[in-house]
Amino acid sequence: MTPNLTPIHELQMCAKHPEREATLRCIRCDRLMCTDCIVRTSVGYVCKECSRRAEDKFFAAANQDYVLQAATCFVVMAVICALFTQVPFVSTFLGVIIGPIAGGLAGEAAMRLTGRRRGRYTDVIGTVGAGLGGLAGHMGVIFAEYQQAVSTVAPALRSQYIGILVDELVKSTVLDIWFLIFLGCALAGTYARLRGRI
């Protein structure tokens, strides 16, 4: 029987939550724990702090790796979404198939550029970068198309085109269901790749 499975007979309180009764001790630091502080591992029960310290050994990414991963995901997804916007037949249910692949590519590119170093927040930061890149790429194409259209109009009418441009950017992003489905699937692919699940 491991030490932390031995019941505590006298009333003792949790080291982190003094108002709660402790039920076990951490096998690493011998800290008293309540049921909310327990983390089950393959070798027994540990406290959250010891569990976090053990996990930290697997995270080798430095701060600059986070920046590089976010930037890589941003650029890759911006390019993919810009292409997605320009190919009409892709902007359908095919986005459900292509989206996870596109997101996986963004995640893989980010991992390769950082030597596959992972950080505790690699998956979240990379996915946010991919999301912002996807929006930027999609809106960038629409903005470029409208800029080209505005350049051919008389200067007196250009102010009206600004309102039209804003409306079109909103409609083509927020109200374009296929783009949102594609982007959602792509972000799921990026997150899964950065988590090491695909």
C-alpha atoms as a PDB file:
ATOM      1  CA  MET A   1       0.000   0.000   0.000  1.00  0.00           C
ATOM      2  CA  THR A   2       1.531   3.331  -1.067  1.00  0.00           C
ATOM      3  CA  PRO A   3       1.897   6.003   1.628  1.00  0.00           C
ATOM      4  CA  ASN A   4      -0.630   8.388   0.129  1.00  0.00           C
ATOM      5  CA  LEU A   5      -3.381   5.768   0.187  1.00  0.00           C
ATOM      6  CA  THR A   6      -3.121   5.421   3.958  1.00  0.00           C
ATOM      7  CA  PRO A   7      -6.182   7.140   5.412  1.00  0.00           C
ATOM      8  CA  ILE A   8      -5.666  10.132   7.680  1.00  0.00           C
ATOM      9  CA  HIS A   9      -7.289   9.212  10.999  1.00  0.00           C
ATOM     10  CA  GLU A  10      -6.946  12.489  12.850  1.00  0.00           C
ATOM     11  CA  LEU A  11      -8.751  15.487  11.403  1.00  0.00           C
ATOM     12  CA  GLN A  12      -6.261  17.397   9.253  1.00  0.00           C
ATOM     13  CA  MET A  13      -6.906  20.130   6.756  1.00  0.00           C
ATOM     14  CA  CYS A  14      -5.828  20.497   3.136  1.00  0.00           C
ATOM     15  CA  ALA A  15      -2.625  22.506   2.665  1.00  0.00           C
ATOM     16  CA  LYS A  16      -4.186  24.569  -0.135  1.00  0.00           C
ATOM     17  CA  HIS A  17      -7.758  24.759   1.181  1.00  0.00           C
ATOM     18  CA  PRO A  18      -7.573  25.145   4.982  1.00  0.00           C
ATOM     19  CA  GLU A  19     -11.370  24.948   5.311  1.00  0.00           C
ATOM     20  CA  ARG A  20     -11.494  21.443   3.758  1.00  0.00           C
ATOM     21  CA  GLU A  21     -10.590  18.152   5.313  1.00  0.00           C
ATOM     22  CA  ALA A  22      -7.589  16.360   3.816  1.00  0.00           C
ATOM     23  CA  THR A  23      -8.072  12.795   2.647  1.00  0.00           C
ATOM     24  CA  LEU A  24      -4.662  11.925   1.137  1.00  0.00           C
ATOM     25  CA  ARG A  25      -1.019  12.953   1.080  1.00  0.00           C
ATOM     26  CA  CYS A  26       1.002  13.720  -2.046  1.00  0.00           C
ATOM     27  CA  ILE A  27       3.487  10.918  -2.707  1.00  0.00           C
ATOM     28  CA  ARG A  28       6.115  13.415  -3.871  1.00  0.00           C
ATOM     29  CA  CYS A  29       6.010  16.250  -1.330  1.00  0.00           C
ATOM     30  CA  ASP A  30       3.872  14.668   1.430  1.00  0.00           C
ATOM     31  CA  ARG A  31       1.442  17.609   1.312  1.00  0.00           C
ATOM     32  CA  LEU A  32      -2.051  17.052   2.700  1.00  0.00           C
ATOM     33  CA  MET A  33      -4.687  17.209  -0.066  1.00  0.00           C
ATOM     34  CA  CYS A  34      -8.456  17.449  -0.313  1.00  0.00           C
ATOM     35  CA  THR A  35     -10.326  15.763  -3.158  1.00  0.00           C
ATOM     36  CA  ASP A  36     -10.058  18.885  -5.376  1.00  0.00           C
ATOM     37  CA  CYS A  37      -6.259  18.943  -5.118  1.00  0.00           C
ATOM     38  CA  ILE A  38      -5.669  15.318  -6.084  1.00  0.00           C
ATOM     39  CA  VAL A  39      -4.128  14.402  -9.438  1.00  0.00           C
ATOM     40  CA  ARG A  40      -4.083  10.708 -10.253  1.00  0.00           C
ATOM     41  CA  THR A  41      -0.896   9.454 -11.938  1.00  0.00           C
ATOM     42  CA  SER A  42       0.387   6.019 -12.913  1.00  0.00           C
ATOM     43  CA  VAL A  43       2.462   5.844  -9.714  1.00  0.00           C
ATOM     44  CA  GLY A  44      -0.123   7.219  -7.263  1.00  0.00           C
ATOM     45  CA  TYR A  45      -1.810  10.447  -6.223  1.00  0.00           C
ATOM     46  CA  VAL A  46       0.077  13.742  -6.304  1.00  0.00           C
ATOM     47  CA  CYS A  47      -0.844  17.372  -5.666  1.00  0.00           C
ATOM     48  CA  LYS A  48      -1.410  19.758  -8.573  1.00  0.00           C
ATOM     49  CA  GLU A  49       1.872  21.580  -7.959  1.00  0.00           C
ATOM     50  CA  CYS A  50       3.936  18.379  -8.198  1.00  0.00           C
ATOM     51  CA  SER A  51       1.958  17.306 -11.243  1.00  0.00           C
ATOM     52  CA  ARG A  52       2.674  20.644 -12.918  1.00  0.00           C
ATOM     53  CA  ARG A  53       6.401  20.399 -12.109  1.00  0.00           C
ATOM     54  CA  ALA A  54       6.504  16.933 -13.647  1.00  0.00           C
ATOM     55  CA  GLU A  55       4.744  18.182 -16.792  1.00  0.00           C
ATOM     56  CA  ASP A  56       7.142  21.120 -17.109  1.00  0.00           C
ATOM     57  CA  LYS A  57       9.971  18.688 -17.897  1.00  0.00           C
ATOM     58  CA  PHE A  58       8.282  17.936 -21.210  1.00  0.00           C
ATOM     59  CA  PHE A  59       7.875  21.600 -22.195  1.00  0.00           C
ATOM     60  CA  ALA A  60      11.074  22.941 -23.735  1.00  0.00           C
ATOM     61  CA  ALA A  61       9.728  25.915 -25.714  1.00  0.00           C
ATOM     62  CA  ALA A  62      11.169  29.362 -25.000  1.00  0.00           C
ATOM     63  CA  ASN A  63       9.229  32.632 -25.330  1.00  0.00           C
ATOM     64  CA  GLN A  64      10.558  33.229 -28.845  1.00  0.00           C
ATOM     65  CA  ASP A  65       9.188  29.817 -29.865  1.00  0.00           C
ATOM     66  CA  TYR A  66       5.687  30.991 -28.967  1.00  0.00           C
ATOM     67  CA  VAL A  67       6.127  34.073 -31.165  1.00  0.00           C
ATOM     68  CA  LEU A  68       7.491  32.002 -34.046  1.00  0.00           C
ATOM     69  CA  GLN A  69       4.690  29.436 -33.768  1.00  0.00           C
ATOM     70  CA  ALA A  70       1.980  32.099 -33.700  1.00  0.00           C
ATOM     71  CA  ALA A  71       3.561  33.969 -36.634  1.00  0.00           C
ATOM     72  CA  THR A  72       3.952  30.788 -38.690  1.00  0.00           C
ATOM     73  CA  CYS A  73       0.351  29.731 -38.105  1.00  0.00           C
ATOM     74  CA  PHE A  74      -0.785  33.265 -38.943  1.00  0.00           C
ATOM     75  CA  VAL A  75       1.073  33.392 -42.268  1.00  0.00           C
ATOM     76  CA  VAL A  76       0.185  29.858 -43.390  1.00  0.00           C
ATOM     77  CA  MET A  77      -3.517  30.277 -42.597  1.00  0.00           C
ATOM     78  CA  ALA A  78      -3.598  33.759 -44.177  1.00  0.00           C
ATOM     79  CA  VAL A  79      -2.288  32.313 -47.444  1.00  0.00           C
ATOM     80  CA  ILE A  80      -4.627  29.301 -47.335  1.00  0.00           C
ATOM     81  CA  CYS A  81      -7.702  31.417 -46.539  1.00  0.00           C
ATOM     82  CA  ALA A  82      -6.807  33.919 -49.260  1.00  0.00           C
ATOM     83  CA  LEU A  83      -6.729  31.036 -51.754  1.00  0.00           C
ATOM     84  CA  PHE A  84      -9.921  29.572 -50.268  1.00  0.00           C
ATOM     85  CA  THR A  85     -11.719  32.869 -50.808  1.00  0.00           C
ATOM     86  CA  GLN A  86     -10.752  32.987 -54.494  1.00  0.00           C
ATOM     87  CA  VAL A  87     -11.816  29.433 -55.403  1.00  0.00           C
ATOM     88  CA  PRO A  88     -15.645  29.394 -55.489  1.00  0.00           C
ATOM     89  CA  PHE A  89     -16.152  25.605 -55.665  1.00  0.00           C
ATOM     90  CA  VAL A  90     -14.044  25.096 -52.539  1.00  0.00           C
ATOM     91  CA  SER A  91     -16.302  27.444 -50.577  1.00  0.00           C
ATOM     92  CA  THR A  92     -18.865  24.695 -50.048  1.00  0.00           C
ATOM     93  CA  PHE A  93     -19.049  21.508 -48.032  1.00  0.00           C
ATOM     94  CA  LEU A  94     -15.506  20.692 -49.254  1.00  0.00           C
ATOM     95  CA  GLY A  95     -14.308  23.133 -46.597  1.00  0.00           C
ATOM     96  CA  VAL A  96     -15.153  20.491 -43.989  1.00  0.00           C
ATOM     97  CA  ILE A  97     -12.634  18.148 -45.628  1.00  0.00           C
ATOM     98  CA  ILE A  98     -10.006  20.711 -46.599  1.00  0.00           C
ATOM     99  CA  GLY A  99     -10.194  22.714 -43.335  1.00  0.00           C
ATOM    100  CA  PRO A 100      -8.578  20.170 -40.972  1.00  0.00           C
ATOM    101  CA  ILE A 101      -5.851  19.461 -43.538  1.00  0.00           C
ATOM    102  CA  ALA A 102      -5.106  23.182 -43.888  1.00  0.00           C
ATOM    103  CA  GLY A 103      -5.010  23.618 -40.117  1.00  0.00           C
ATOM    104  CA  GLY A 104      -2.792  20.561 -39.746  1.00  0.00           C
ATOM    105  CA  LEU A 105      -0.364  22.046 -42.283  1.00  0.00           C
ATOM    106  CA  ALA A 106      -0.199  25.301 -40.307  1.00  0.00           C
ATOM    107  CA  GLY A 107       0.465  23.408 -37.070  1.00  0.00           C
ATOM    108  CA  GLU A 108       3.076  21.169 -38.702  1.00  0.00           C
ATOM    109  CA  ALA A 109       4.892  24.174 -40.197  1.00  0.00           C
ATOM    110  CA  ALA A 110       4.987  25.834 -36.770  1.00  0.00           C
ATOM    111  CA  MET A 111       6.344  22.680 -35.103  1.00  0.00           C
ATOM    112  CA  ARG A 112       9.050  22.217 -37.732  1.00  0.00           C
ATOM    113  CA  LEU A 113      10.241  25.820 -37.530  1.00  0.00           C
ATOM    114  CA  THR A 114      10.699  25.525 -33.756  1.00  0.00           C
ATOM    115  CA  GLY A 115      12.429  22.150 -33.853  1.00  0.00           C
ATOM    116  CA  ARG A 116       9.265  20.513 -32.433  1.00  0.00           C
ATOM    117  CA  ARG A 117       9.772  22.253 -29.101  1.00  0.00           C
ATOM    118  CA  ARG A 118       6.497  22.402 -27.228  1.00  0.00           C
ATOM    119  CA  GLY A 119       5.385  24.778 -24.531  1.00  0.00           C
ATOM    120  CA  ARG A 120       2.510  24.615 -22.104  1.00  0.00           C
ATOM    121  CA  TYR A 121       0.523  27.064 -24.271  1.00  0.00           C
ATOM    122  CA  THR A 122       1.787  26.112 -27.740  1.00  0.00           C
ATOM    123  CA  ASP A 123      -1.576  24.751 -28.859  1.00  0.00           C
ATOM    124  CA  VAL A 124      -3.572  27.796 -27.735  1.00  0.00           C
ATOM    125  CA  ILE A 125      -1.152  30.437 -29.044  1.00  0.00           C
ATOM    126  CA  GLY A 126      -0.715  28.679 -32.384  1.00  0.00           C
ATOM    127  CA  THR A 127      -4.463  28.258 -32.831  1.00  0.00           C
ATOM    128  CA  VAL A 128      -5.115  31.940 -32.049  1.00  0.00           C
ATOM    129  CA  GLY A 129      -2.423  32.899 -34.575  1.00  0.00           C
ATOM    130  CA  ALA A 130      -4.049  30.648 -37.182  1.00  0.00           C
ATOM    131  CA  GLY A 131      -7.480  32.161 -36.497  1.00  0.00           C
ATOM    132  CA  LEU A 132      -6.241  35.716 -36.881  1.00  0.00           C
ATOM    133  CA  GLY A 133      -4.313  34.743 -40.004  1.00  0.00           C
ATOM    134  CA  GLY A 134      -7.379  33.103 -41.518  1.00  0.00           C
ATOM    135  CA  LEU A 135      -9.473  36.214 -40.969  1.00  0.00           C
ATOM    136  CA  ALA A 136      -6.704  38.469 -42.287  1.00  0.00           C
ATOM    137  CA  GLY A 137      -6.230  36.401 -45.443  1.00  0.00           C
ATOM    138  CA  HIS A 138      -9.948  36.210 -46.171  1.00  0.00           C
ATOM    139  CA  MET A 139     -10.593  39.897 -45.541  1.00  0.00           C
ATOM    140  CA  GLY A 140      -7.412  40.915 -47.346  1.00  0.00           C
ATOM    141  CA  VAL A 141      -8.633  39.438 -50.621  1.00  0.00           C
ATOM    142  CA  ILE A 142     -12.003  41.177 -50.320  1.00  0.00           C
ATOM    143  CA  PHE A 143     -10.302  44.467 -49.437  1.00  0.00           C
ATOM    144  CA  ALA A 144      -7.963  44.174 -52.451  1.00  0.00           C
ATOM    145  CA  GLU A 145     -10.883  43.499 -54.787  1.00  0.00           C
ATOM    146  CA  TYR A 146     -12.774  46.539 -53.531  1.00  0.00           C
ATOM    147  CA  GLN A 147      -9.688  48.731 -53.676  1.00  0.00           C
ATOM    148  CA  GLN A 148      -9.321  47.814 -57.321  1.00  0.00           C
ATOM    149  CA  ALA A 149     -13.005  48.603 -57.931  1.00  0.00           C
ATOM    150  CA  VAL A 150     -12.758  51.943 -56.109  1.00  0.00           C
ATOM    151  CA  SER A 151      -9.730  53.020 -58.155  1.00  0.00           C
ATOM    152  CA  THR A 152     -11.866  52.999 -61.299  1.00  0.00           C
ATOM    153  CA  VAL A 153     -14.606  55.200 -59.816  1.00  0.00           C
ATOM    154  CA  ALA A 154     -14.749  58.970 -59.762  1.00  0.00           C
ATOM    155  CA  PRO A 155     -13.190  60.522 -56.626  1.00  0.00           C
ATOM    156  CA  ALA A 156     -16.544  62.032 -55.583  1.00  0.00           C
ATOM    157  CA  LEU A 157     -18.085  58.555 -55.307  1.00  0.00           C
ATOM    158  CA  ARG A 158     -15.243  56.935 -53.360  1.00  0.00           C
ATOM    159  CA  SER A 159     -16.625  57.873 -49.935  1.00  0.00           C
ATOM    160  CA  GLN A 160     -19.739  55.791 -50.679  1.00  0.00           C
ATOM    161  CA  TYR A 161     -17.564  52.767 -51.444  1.00  0.00           C
ATOM    162  CA  ILE A 162     -16.038  52.811 -47.963  1.00  0.00           C
ATOM    163  CA  GLY A 163     -19.433  52.000 -46.442  1.00  0.00           C
ATOM    164  CA  ILE A 164     -19.978  49.283 -49.046  1.00  0.00           C
ATOM    165  CA  LEU A 165     -16.557  47.828 -48.294  1.00  0.00           C
ATOM    166  CA  VAL A 166     -17.239  47.639 -44.555  1.00  0.00           C
ATOM    167  CA  ASP A 167     -20.608  45.981 -45.208  1.00  0.00           C
ATOM    168  CA  GLU A 168     -19.030  43.473 -47.556  1.00  0.00           C
ATOM    169  CA  LEU A 169     -16.210  42.635 -45.108  1.00  0.00           C
ATOM    170  CA  VAL A 170     -18.754  41.929 -42.377  1.00  0.00           C
ATOM    171  CA  LYS A 171     -21.050  39.914 -44.652  1.00  0.00           C
ATOM    172  CA  SER A 172     -18.277  37.869 -46.186  1.00  0.00           C
ATOM    173  CA  THR A 173     -16.788  37.009 -42.798  1.00  0.00           C
ATOM    174  CA  VAL A 174     -19.521  36.849 -40.179  1.00  0.00           C
ATOM    175  CA  LEU A 175     -22.371  35.842 -42.488  1.00  0.00           C
ATOM    176  CA  ASP A 176     -20.456  33.485 -44.794  1.00  0.00           C
ATOM    177  CA  ILE A 177     -21.362  30.157 -43.189  1.00  0.00           C
ATOM    178  CA  TRP A 178     -19.072  28.087 -45.407  1.00  0.00           C
ATOM    179  CA  PHE A 179     -16.069  30.221 -44.605  1.00  0.00           C
ATOM    180  CA  LEU A 180     -16.819  29.988 -40.888  1.00  0.00           C
ATOM    181  CA  ILE A 181     -17.173  26.197 -41.148  1.00  0.00           C
ATOM    182  CA  PHE A 182     -13.898  26.001 -43.070  1.00  0.00           C
ATOM    183  CA  LEU A 183     -12.109  28.223 -40.556  1.00  0.00           C
ATOM    184  CA  GLY A 184     -13.533  26.304 -37.595  1.00  0.00           C
ATOM    185  CA  CYS A 185     -12.378  22.979 -39.063  1.00  0.00           C
ATOM    186  CA  ALA A 186      -8.978  24.487 -39.851  1.00  0.00           C
ATOM    187  CA  LEU A 187      -8.550  25.745 -36.284  1.00  0.00           C
ATOM    188  CA  ALA A 188      -9.526  22.328 -34.943  1.00  0.00           C
ATOM    189  CA  GLY A 189      -6.830  20.836 -37.186  1.00  0.00           C
ATOM    190  CA  THR A 190      -4.233  23.338 -35.992  1.00  0.00           C
ATOM    191  CA  TYR A 191      -5.070  22.722 -32.337  1.00  0.00           C
ATOM    192  CA  ALA A 192      -4.992  18.958 -32.759  1.00  0.00           C
ATOM    193  CA  ARG A 193      -1.631  19.071 -34.573  1.00  0.00           C
ATOM    194  CA  LEU A 194      -0.038  21.314 -31.974  1.00  0.00           C
ATOM    195  CA  ARG A 195      -1.372  19.045 -29.211  1.00  0.00           C
ATOM    196  CA  GLY A 196       0.208  16.088 -30.980  1.00  0.00           C
ATOM    197  CA  ARG A 197      -3.102  14.353 -31.614  1.00  0.00           C
ATOM    198  CA  ILE A 198      -2.710  14.138 -35.398  1.00  0.00           C
END
